Protein backbone atom coordinates (compact mmCIF):
# COMPACT_ATOMS: atom_id res chain seq x y z
CA MET A 1 -11.38 -15.92 -41.09
CA ASP A 2 -9.15 -13.11 -42.40
CA THR A 3 -11.07 -12.93 -45.67
CA ALA A 4 -10.73 -9.16 -46.00
CA PHE A 5 -7.04 -9.00 -46.88
CA GLY A 6 -5.71 -12.56 -46.77
CA VAL A 7 -2.89 -11.53 -44.44
CA SER A 8 -2.62 -15.00 -42.89
CA ALA A 9 -2.06 -16.62 -46.29
CA ARG A 10 0.48 -13.97 -47.25
CA ALA A 11 2.27 -14.34 -43.92
CA GLU A 12 2.73 -18.07 -44.45
CA LYS A 13 4.72 -17.30 -47.60
CA VAL A 14 7.23 -15.00 -45.94
CA PHE A 15 7.48 -16.28 -42.34
CA PRO A 16 8.81 -19.72 -41.29
CA PRO A 17 6.52 -22.11 -39.39
CA VAL A 18 8.54 -21.53 -36.22
CA LEU A 19 6.77 -18.15 -35.98
CA HIS A 20 3.46 -19.46 -34.67
CA HIS A 21 0.36 -17.58 -33.52
CA TYR A 22 -2.34 -18.37 -30.98
CA HIS A 23 -5.15 -17.27 -33.30
CA SER A 24 -5.40 -17.08 -37.09
CA PHE A 25 -7.37 -13.87 -37.57
CA THR A 26 -5.78 -10.52 -38.47
CA ILE A 27 -6.13 -7.47 -36.28
CA ALA A 28 -7.49 -4.29 -37.91
CA LYS A 29 -7.60 -1.98 -34.90
CA ALA A 30 -7.65 -2.06 -31.13
CA HIS A 31 -8.38 0.17 -28.19
CA GLY A 32 -8.37 -0.46 -24.47
CA CYS A 33 -9.40 -4.08 -23.94
CA THR A 34 -10.99 -4.51 -27.38
CA VAL A 35 -9.57 -5.88 -30.62
CA VAL A 36 -11.38 -5.73 -33.96
CA SER A 37 -10.39 -8.14 -36.75
CA THR A 38 -10.23 -7.34 -40.46
CA ASP A 39 -13.47 -9.24 -40.96
CA GLY A 40 -15.25 -7.07 -38.41
CA ASN A 41 -15.37 -9.34 -35.38
CA ARG A 42 -14.90 -7.77 -31.95
CA TYR A 43 -12.97 -9.54 -29.19
CA LEU A 44 -12.14 -8.80 -25.59
CA ASP A 45 -8.43 -9.44 -25.16
CA PHE A 46 -7.93 -11.15 -21.82
CA SER A 47 -4.36 -12.02 -22.83
CA SER A 48 -3.21 -8.37 -22.86
CA GLY A 49 -1.01 -9.13 -25.85
CA LEU A 50 0.88 -11.76 -23.81
CA ALA A 51 0.88 -9.74 -20.58
CA VAL A 52 2.29 -6.69 -22.37
CA LEU A 53 -0.64 -4.23 -22.52
CA ASN A 54 -1.24 -3.60 -18.83
CA VAL A 55 -2.73 -0.19 -19.63
CA GLY A 56 -4.56 -1.54 -22.66
CA TYR A 57 -4.25 -0.90 -26.36
CA GLY A 58 -3.53 2.68 -27.40
CA HIS A 59 -3.71 4.50 -24.09
CA PRO A 60 -3.89 8.18 -25.11
CA GLU A 61 -1.18 9.35 -22.70
CA VAL A 62 1.23 6.67 -23.90
CA LEU A 63 0.52 7.51 -27.54
CA ALA A 64 1.00 11.23 -26.89
CA ALA A 65 4.40 10.62 -25.29
CA VAL A 66 5.44 8.44 -28.22
CA HIS A 67 4.36 11.02 -30.82
CA GLN A 68 6.24 13.78 -29.02
CA GLN A 69 9.44 11.72 -28.94
CA VAL A 70 9.16 10.58 -32.57
CA ASP A 71 9.02 14.21 -33.65
CA ARG A 72 12.32 14.89 -31.85
CA PHE A 73 14.45 11.83 -32.73
CA VAL A 74 14.04 8.05 -32.66
CA HIS A 75 17.52 6.69 -31.94
CA THR A 76 20.69 7.55 -30.08
CA GLY A 77 22.40 4.25 -29.35
CA SER A 78 25.19 4.68 -26.80
CA ILE A 79 26.68 7.66 -28.65
CA TYR A 80 25.32 10.26 -26.25
CA HIS A 81 22.80 10.75 -23.45
CA ASN A 82 19.17 11.68 -23.98
CA GLU A 83 16.36 12.92 -21.75
CA SER A 84 13.79 10.24 -22.66
CA THR A 85 15.95 7.26 -21.72
CA THR A 86 17.25 8.85 -18.53
CA ALA A 87 13.77 9.91 -17.42
CA ALA A 88 12.40 6.42 -18.05
CA ALA A 89 15.19 4.91 -15.94
CA GLU A 90 14.44 7.35 -13.12
CA GLU A 91 10.74 6.51 -13.34
CA LEU A 92 11.41 2.77 -13.21
CA VAL A 93 13.77 2.88 -10.22
CA SER A 94 11.18 5.00 -8.40
CA ILE A 95 8.91 1.93 -8.24
CA THR A 96 11.41 -0.91 -7.80
CA PRO A 97 12.06 -2.28 -4.31
CA SER A 98 14.36 -0.22 -2.13
CA GLY A 99 18.01 -0.63 -3.01
CA LEU A 100 17.39 -1.56 -6.66
CA ASP A 101 18.37 1.81 -8.02
CA MET A 102 20.47 1.33 -11.16
CA LEU A 103 19.56 -0.41 -14.41
CA PHE A 104 20.60 -1.46 -17.88
CA PHE A 105 18.05 -1.27 -20.70
CA GLY A 106 17.77 -3.94 -23.39
CA ASN A 107 15.05 -4.75 -25.90
CA SER A 108 13.25 -7.75 -24.40
CA GLY A 109 12.82 -10.05 -21.45
CA ALA A 110 15.26 -12.58 -22.89
CA GLU A 111 17.91 -9.88 -23.29
CA ALA A 112 17.35 -8.73 -19.73
CA VAL A 113 17.71 -12.30 -18.48
CA GLU A 114 20.94 -12.67 -20.44
CA ALA A 115 22.21 -9.45 -18.89
CA SER A 116 21.30 -10.63 -15.39
CA LEU A 117 23.27 -13.85 -15.85
CA LYS A 118 26.28 -11.97 -17.22
CA LEU A 119 26.13 -9.45 -14.40
CA SER A 120 25.97 -12.25 -11.82
CA ARG A 121 28.96 -14.08 -13.18
CA TYR A 122 30.97 -10.92 -13.72
CA VAL A 123 30.60 -9.41 -10.26
CA SER A 124 30.66 -12.65 -8.25
CA GLY A 125 33.58 -14.32 -10.00
CA ARG A 126 31.57 -17.54 -9.83
CA GLN A 127 30.13 -19.48 -12.76
CA ALA A 128 27.29 -21.81 -11.70
CA ILE A 129 23.66 -20.74 -12.15
CA VAL A 130 20.66 -22.38 -10.46
CA SER A 131 17.19 -22.14 -12.00
CA PHE A 132 13.87 -23.91 -11.46
CA THR A 133 12.00 -26.62 -13.33
CA GLY A 134 9.07 -25.25 -15.26
CA ALA A 135 10.68 -21.84 -15.72
CA PHE A 136 10.46 -19.85 -18.92
CA HIS A 137 13.14 -17.17 -19.18
CA GLY A 138 13.44 -16.75 -22.95
CA ARG A 139 14.78 -18.34 -26.11
CA THR A 140 18.28 -16.95 -26.54
CA PHE A 141 21.01 -19.39 -25.55
CA GLY A 142 21.66 -18.15 -22.03
CA ALA A 143 17.97 -17.67 -21.28
CA LEU A 144 17.16 -21.02 -22.86
CA SER A 145 19.75 -22.69 -20.64
CA VAL A 146 17.71 -21.73 -17.57
CA THR A 147 14.36 -22.48 -19.26
CA THR A 148 12.78 -25.85 -18.52
CA SER A 149 9.06 -25.31 -19.03
CA ASN A 150 9.11 -27.66 -22.02
CA SER A 151 11.88 -29.79 -23.51
CA SER A 152 10.70 -28.92 -27.03
CA TYR A 153 12.17 -25.44 -26.63
CA ARG A 154 15.62 -27.02 -26.29
CA ARG A 155 15.29 -29.58 -29.06
CA ARG A 156 18.28 -29.52 -31.46
CA TYR A 157 19.92 -26.60 -29.67
CA HIS A 158 22.37 -28.45 -27.42
CA PRO A 159 24.91 -27.93 -26.00
CA LEU A 160 23.58 -25.04 -23.97
CA LEU A 161 25.25 -22.93 -21.29
CA PRO A 162 27.31 -25.14 -18.95
CA SER A 163 27.19 -25.13 -15.14
CA VAL A 164 23.42 -24.65 -14.96
CA TYR A 165 21.46 -26.63 -12.35
CA GLN A 166 17.75 -26.96 -11.62
CA LEU A 167 15.64 -27.09 -8.48
CA PRO A 168 11.94 -28.06 -8.36
CA TYR A 169 9.60 -25.08 -8.54
CA PRO A 170 7.00 -24.92 -5.75
CA ALA A 171 4.03 -25.53 -8.04
CA CYS A 172 1.85 -26.65 -5.17
CA PHE A 173 -1.17 -27.96 -7.10
CA ASN A 174 1.12 -30.30 -9.05
CA CYS A 175 3.92 -30.64 -6.53
CA PRO A 176 7.05 -31.94 -8.31
CA LEU A 177 8.01 -33.78 -5.11
CA GLY A 178 4.62 -35.43 -4.68
CA LEU A 179 3.95 -33.69 -1.37
CA ASN A 180 0.47 -32.92 -0.04
CA HIS A 181 -0.92 -29.71 -1.48
CA GLY A 182 -0.81 -26.90 1.07
CA SER A 183 0.45 -28.93 4.03
CA CYS A 184 4.15 -29.44 3.40
CA GLY A 185 5.51 -26.10 4.58
CA THR A 186 8.65 -25.37 2.57
CA ARG A 187 10.16 -28.83 2.37
CA CYS A 188 11.05 -28.20 -1.27
CA LEU A 189 13.72 -25.76 -0.07
CA GLN A 190 15.63 -28.76 1.23
CA GLU A 191 16.35 -29.63 -2.40
CA ALA A 192 18.69 -26.64 -2.55
CA ILE A 193 20.78 -28.08 0.26
CA ARG A 194 20.86 -31.46 -1.49
CA LEU A 195 21.98 -29.74 -4.68
CA PHE A 196 24.85 -28.06 -2.84
CA GLU A 197 25.83 -31.32 -1.18
CA ARG A 198 25.74 -33.53 -4.28
CA GLN A 199 26.21 -31.47 -7.45
CA VAL A 200 27.71 -28.01 -7.00
CA PRO A 201 29.33 -26.36 -3.97
CA PRO A 202 27.44 -23.22 -2.97
CA ASP A 203 30.60 -21.11 -3.09
CA GLU A 204 30.71 -21.76 -6.85
CA VAL A 205 27.13 -20.59 -7.46
CA ALA A 206 26.87 -17.08 -8.89
CA ALA A 207 23.10 -16.76 -8.85
CA VAL A 208 19.73 -18.38 -8.33
CA ILE A 209 17.14 -17.20 -10.88
CA ILE A 210 13.43 -17.71 -10.33
CA GLU A 211 10.09 -16.43 -11.56
CA PRO A 212 8.42 -15.61 -8.24
CA PHE A 213 5.14 -16.09 -10.11
CA LEU A 214 5.75 -18.82 -12.67
CA GLY A 215 4.54 -17.65 -16.07
CA GLU A 216 4.47 -19.78 -19.22
CA GLY A 217 5.34 -22.85 -17.14
CA GLY A 218 1.93 -22.92 -15.46
CA TYR A 219 0.92 -19.70 -13.67
CA TYR A 220 1.91 -20.84 -10.19
CA PRO A 221 2.66 -18.15 -7.60
CA ALA A 222 5.47 -19.26 -5.32
CA PRO A 223 4.39 -19.28 -1.65
CA PRO A 224 5.74 -16.22 0.18
CA GLU A 225 7.50 -18.40 2.75
CA PHE A 226 9.32 -20.21 -0.06
CA LEU A 227 10.67 -16.96 -1.49
CA GLN A 228 11.66 -15.83 2.00
CA GLY A 229 13.49 -19.11 2.58
CA LEU A 230 15.24 -18.81 -0.77
CA ARG A 231 16.40 -15.31 0.19
CA THR A 232 17.84 -16.72 3.43
CA ILE A 233 19.71 -19.50 1.62
CA CYS A 234 21.20 -17.08 -0.90
CA ASP A 235 22.29 -14.73 1.88
CA GLU A 236 23.91 -17.58 3.79
CA TYR A 237 26.10 -18.61 0.85
CA GLY A 238 26.69 -15.23 -0.78
CA ILE A 239 24.61 -16.15 -3.84
CA LEU A 240 22.88 -13.47 -5.89
CA LEU A 241 19.10 -13.85 -6.10
CA ILE A 242 17.51 -12.92 -9.44
CA PHE A 243 13.75 -12.45 -9.76
CA ASP A 244 12.44 -12.67 -13.32
CA GLU A 245 9.31 -10.52 -13.21
CA VAL A 246 9.00 -10.15 -16.96
CA GLN A 247 5.40 -11.38 -16.86
CA SER A 248 4.38 -10.65 -13.25
CA GLY A 249 5.76 -7.11 -13.01
CA ILE A 250 4.47 -3.59 -13.71
CA GLY A 251 1.32 -3.93 -11.62
CA ARG A 252 0.05 -7.23 -13.00
CA THR A 253 -0.52 -8.82 -9.56
CA GLY A 254 -1.91 -5.78 -7.74
CA LYS A 255 1.52 -4.54 -6.70
CA TRP A 256 4.31 -3.16 -8.85
CA PHE A 257 6.17 -6.48 -8.53
CA PHE A 258 5.12 -9.85 -7.18
CA CYS A 259 8.11 -9.97 -4.82
CA GLU A 260 6.32 -7.31 -2.75
CA HIS A 261 3.64 -9.85 -1.82
CA ALA A 262 6.35 -11.88 -0.08
CA ASP A 263 8.25 -8.85 1.24
CA VAL A 264 11.42 -10.16 -0.42
CA THR A 265 13.88 -8.00 -2.33
CA PRO A 266 16.08 -9.77 -4.89
CA ASP A 267 19.61 -8.68 -5.70
CA ILE A 268 18.68 -8.39 -9.37
CA LEU A 269 15.26 -7.75 -10.90
CA VAL A 270 14.38 -8.53 -14.53
CA VAL A 271 11.60 -6.46 -16.13
CA ALA A 272 10.12 -6.31 -19.64
CA LYS A 273 6.76 -7.09 -21.36
CA ALA A 274 4.38 -4.46 -19.89
CA LEU A 275 7.15 -1.96 -19.23
CA ALA A 276 6.61 0.03 -22.45
CA SER A 277 3.06 -0.93 -23.53
CA GLY A 278 4.15 -2.90 -26.58
CA PHE A 279 7.36 -1.12 -27.50
CA PRO A 280 10.45 -3.35 -27.22
CA LEU A 281 12.10 -2.63 -23.89
CA GLY A 282 13.51 -4.70 -21.07
CA ALA A 283 15.63 -3.88 -18.05
CA VAL A 284 17.91 -5.55 -15.55
CA VAL A 285 17.80 -3.64 -12.28
CA ALA A 286 20.18 -3.97 -9.33
CA GLY A 287 21.82 -1.93 -6.59
CA GLN A 288 24.64 0.47 -7.29
CA HIS A 289 27.02 -1.68 -5.26
CA LEU A 290 26.63 -4.42 -7.91
CA MET A 291 26.25 -2.28 -11.00
CA ALA A 292 29.36 -0.22 -10.17
CA GLN A 293 31.41 -3.40 -10.59
CA TRP A 294 30.10 -3.95 -14.14
CA GLU A 295 32.90 -2.21 -15.95
CA PRO A 296 32.74 -0.35 -19.29
CA GLY A 297 32.73 -2.76 -22.24
CA ALA A 298 31.56 -5.76 -20.19
CA HIS A 299 28.11 -5.48 -21.76
CA GLY A 300 26.33 -3.30 -24.29
CA SER A 301 23.41 -2.78 -26.65
CA THR A 302 22.85 -0.82 -29.86
CA PHE A 303 19.08 -0.43 -29.50
CA GLY A 304 18.57 -0.92 -25.76
CA GLY A 305 16.98 2.13 -24.15
CA ASN A 306 15.54 3.39 -27.42
CA PRO A 307 14.16 6.88 -26.68
CA VAL A 308 10.74 6.18 -28.23
CA ALA A 309 10.31 2.96 -26.24
CA CYS A 310 11.50 4.81 -23.13
CA ALA A 311 8.96 7.59 -23.69
CA ALA A 312 6.27 4.88 -23.79
CA ALA A 313 7.67 3.28 -20.64
CA ARG A 314 7.72 6.49 -18.63
CA ALA A 315 4.17 7.32 -19.70
CA THR A 316 3.00 3.77 -18.90
CA LEU A 317 4.33 3.93 -15.34
CA GLN A 318 2.86 7.39 -14.85
CA VAL A 319 -0.55 6.21 -16.08
CA ILE A 320 -0.54 3.34 -13.58
CA LYS A 321 0.26 5.78 -10.78
CA LYS A 322 -2.18 8.48 -11.91
CA GLU A 323 -5.13 6.15 -12.45
CA GLY A 324 -4.57 4.08 -9.31
CA LEU A 325 -4.31 0.87 -11.33
CA LEU A 326 -2.48 -1.12 -8.65
CA ALA A 327 -5.41 -0.87 -6.27
CA ARG A 328 -7.83 -1.25 -9.16
CA GLY A 329 -6.10 -4.44 -10.37
CA ALA A 330 -6.11 -5.91 -6.86
CA GLU A 331 -9.82 -5.15 -6.44
CA LEU A 332 -10.82 -6.55 -9.83
CA GLY A 333 -8.64 -9.60 -9.24
CA GLU A 334 -10.44 -10.45 -6.01
CA ARG A 335 -13.77 -10.08 -7.76
CA ALA A 336 -12.70 -12.21 -10.73
CA LEU A 337 -11.13 -14.94 -8.59
CA ALA A 338 -14.35 -15.20 -6.55
CA ARG A 339 -16.34 -15.75 -9.72
CA LEU A 340 -13.83 -18.25 -11.10
CA ARG A 341 -14.18 -20.24 -7.90
CA THR A 342 -17.93 -20.36 -8.38
CA PHE A 343 -17.27 -21.85 -11.82
CA ALA A 344 -15.01 -24.44 -10.17
CA ASP A 345 -17.79 -25.41 -7.75
CA THR A 346 -19.94 -26.69 -10.59
CA CYS A 347 -17.44 -27.51 -13.36
CA PRO A 348 -15.71 -30.90 -12.99
CA TRP A 349 -13.00 -29.87 -15.45
CA ILE A 350 -11.49 -27.16 -13.24
CA GLY A 351 -8.85 -28.64 -10.99
CA ASP A 352 -7.56 -25.40 -9.51
CA VAL A 353 -8.11 -21.64 -9.51
CA ARG A 354 -5.21 -19.38 -8.52
CA GLY A 355 -3.78 -15.93 -8.94
CA TYR A 356 -3.00 -12.48 -7.59
CA GLY A 357 -4.48 -9.28 -8.96
CA LEU A 358 -5.21 -9.63 -12.66
CA MET A 359 -2.79 -12.53 -13.13
CA MET A 360 -5.08 -15.53 -12.79
CA ALA A 361 -5.38 -19.08 -14.05
CA ILE A 362 -7.74 -22.02 -14.13
CA GLU A 363 -6.28 -25.49 -14.50
CA ILE A 364 -8.25 -27.81 -16.75
CA VAL A 365 -8.17 -31.49 -15.82
CA ASP A 366 -9.82 -34.71 -16.97
CA GLU A 367 -12.05 -37.12 -15.07
CA ASN A 368 -9.04 -38.41 -13.12
CA GLY A 369 -7.66 -35.01 -12.23
CA ALA A 370 -4.83 -35.22 -14.78
CA PRO A 371 -3.87 -32.27 -17.00
CA ASP A 372 -6.19 -32.08 -20.02
CA GLY A 373 -4.64 -30.05 -22.82
CA PRO A 374 -7.18 -30.98 -25.53
CA ARG A 375 -10.11 -29.91 -23.35
CA CYS A 376 -8.30 -26.66 -22.56
CA SER A 377 -7.81 -26.01 -26.28
CA LEU A 378 -11.49 -26.63 -26.85
CA LEU A 379 -12.33 -24.14 -24.12
CA ILE A 380 -10.13 -21.49 -25.76
CA GLU A 381 -11.91 -22.10 -29.05
CA GLU A 382 -15.33 -21.80 -27.41
CA CYS A 383 -14.31 -18.56 -25.71
CA LEU A 384 -13.12 -17.10 -29.02
CA ARG A 385 -16.51 -17.89 -30.58
CA ARG A 386 -18.03 -15.82 -27.79
CA GLY A 387 -15.73 -12.88 -28.39
CA LEU A 388 -13.15 -13.57 -25.68
CA MET A 389 -9.44 -14.11 -26.30
CA VAL A 390 -7.59 -16.15 -23.70
CA ILE A 391 -4.39 -18.14 -24.02
CA ASN A 392 -3.01 -21.22 -22.33
CA CYS A 393 0.25 -22.29 -20.72
CA GLY A 394 1.85 -25.17 -18.84
CA MET A 395 3.78 -28.17 -20.11
CA LYS A 396 0.51 -29.91 -21.07
CA ARG A 397 -1.03 -26.63 -22.31
CA ASN A 398 -3.95 -27.23 -19.94
CA ILE A 399 -3.93 -23.97 -17.98
CA VAL A 400 -5.96 -20.96 -19.11
CA ARG A 401 -4.34 -17.60 -18.41
CA ILE A 402 -6.75 -14.79 -17.52
CA ILE A 403 -4.83 -11.52 -17.75
CA PRO A 404 -6.97 -8.59 -18.91
CA PRO A 405 -5.49 -5.08 -18.95
CA LEU A 406 -5.49 -3.26 -15.63
CA THR A 407 -7.73 -0.72 -17.36
CA VAL A 408 -10.50 -3.25 -18.04
CA THR A 409 -13.91 -1.83 -17.12
CA ASP A 410 -16.37 -3.49 -14.76
CA ALA A 411 -18.65 -4.23 -17.71
CA GLU A 412 -15.83 -5.73 -19.80
CA LEU A 413 -14.66 -7.92 -16.93
CA ASP A 414 -18.20 -9.19 -16.40
CA GLU A 415 -18.66 -9.78 -20.15
CA GLY A 416 -15.40 -11.71 -20.40
CA LEU A 417 -16.08 -13.90 -17.38
CA THR A 418 -19.59 -14.60 -18.65
CA ALA A 419 -18.12 -15.76 -21.95
CA LEU A 420 -15.64 -17.95 -20.08
CA GLY A 421 -18.44 -19.46 -18.00
CA ALA A 422 -20.46 -20.22 -21.13
CA GLY A 423 -17.40 -21.86 -22.67
CA LEU A 424 -16.98 -24.06 -19.60
CA GLU A 425 -20.62 -25.11 -19.83
CA GLU A 426 -20.05 -26.05 -23.47
CA LEU A 427 -17.33 -28.50 -22.41
CA ASP A 428 -20.05 -30.73 -21.00
CA ARG A 429 -21.94 -30.70 -24.28
CA SER A 430 -19.20 -30.81 -26.89
CA SER A 431 -17.31 -33.77 -28.24
CA LEU A 432 -13.54 -33.81 -27.81
CA SER A 433 -13.24 -35.42 -31.22
CA ARG A 434 -13.11 -31.98 -32.76
CA ALA A 435 -9.66 -30.79 -33.72
CA PRO A 436 -8.37 -28.51 -30.94
CA VAL A 437 -6.93 -25.06 -31.52
CA THR A 438 -3.17 -25.14 -32.12
CA VAL A 439 -1.41 -22.81 -29.72
CA ALA A 440 2.06 -21.45 -29.28
CA ALA A 441 4.20 -20.58 -26.29
CA ASP A 442 5.59 -17.24 -25.17
């Protein structure tokens, strides 16, 4: 692969091995849901550039907004105000849950998570943070301190942020408490009470941070009743509730944010990835009553709220509204999940199918129902041979993420799912002795 320009070989000479890629080919061009490599191969991207390209590659309205802003100016920093950044902020708070009406722009999801933790500690006067096992919140030190999707991310980086505690995430198919799938109610919420009784008093907890739809840790949507119970606990003890919707936000699940499925509003919302269609932008959003307490100089950013990225963000949100992509994503998601379940009826290697909207996953297991990472890697390789790009996740890397752009056409969705089905059939015919594809995390 990559014979046209040898970019992969050149990249290995200038980038360290820590910068890993899911696939080894080099992109030449892309549009909508389609990527073309330098050696002429066409692929459907059902990874959306790691859940970033919710309106696809190169949407004309996003590109037009970017070109217009580039011709004016590309940077302001915090020296003075500008129309592009302010308009993007207004557009974003127009879609966030009621009461979340003020924001701070950064450059990424990890930065936004860092800002949410700082905001929580600053305004509450408390120091402890509670997160959930399996979570992925980023790789900077604060974000890494609340990330537990894989211990390898923390290797050789200790000590991390102190006063951070973990609760089990309600990943029902692989319940961390060993409870019966789908019949336990919300017994896992009792772990929060045990944590407060045994490890940290609740009046010392600044915030609880959770991905309401677990991303890199396994693509598990938290049950609505769990999120509602968590909201109640936080309210009882005056704890701020942070929802990290970096991966599940901006229409990915058929609503603007996954928290809407549970009818729960967090105190702080973290947004990034799909916000600006590939331009670096993240945001921490909260109510004015919290943000007004975050005094000048308590936080800052040189590049956060870049006017070009903000032009892309505003256009992205307007495209989703204009083209009715929330309803479209919900409809396509129902159709795709139905077909994935038909695959599961005949494929012994699918342990579970789950998802909302166009944020879906199939869990690959072995003959005993245990996570099967090698077989999942083989499936990804088989899909790539058939022109479909998908990526995996989970601690054992055994879960296939299916996250096409919200703009995917009916024909493209059918083509991609057909390729996935053919790849699953190949699992029964192929030997696992082949070297699996090496994959990276978010």
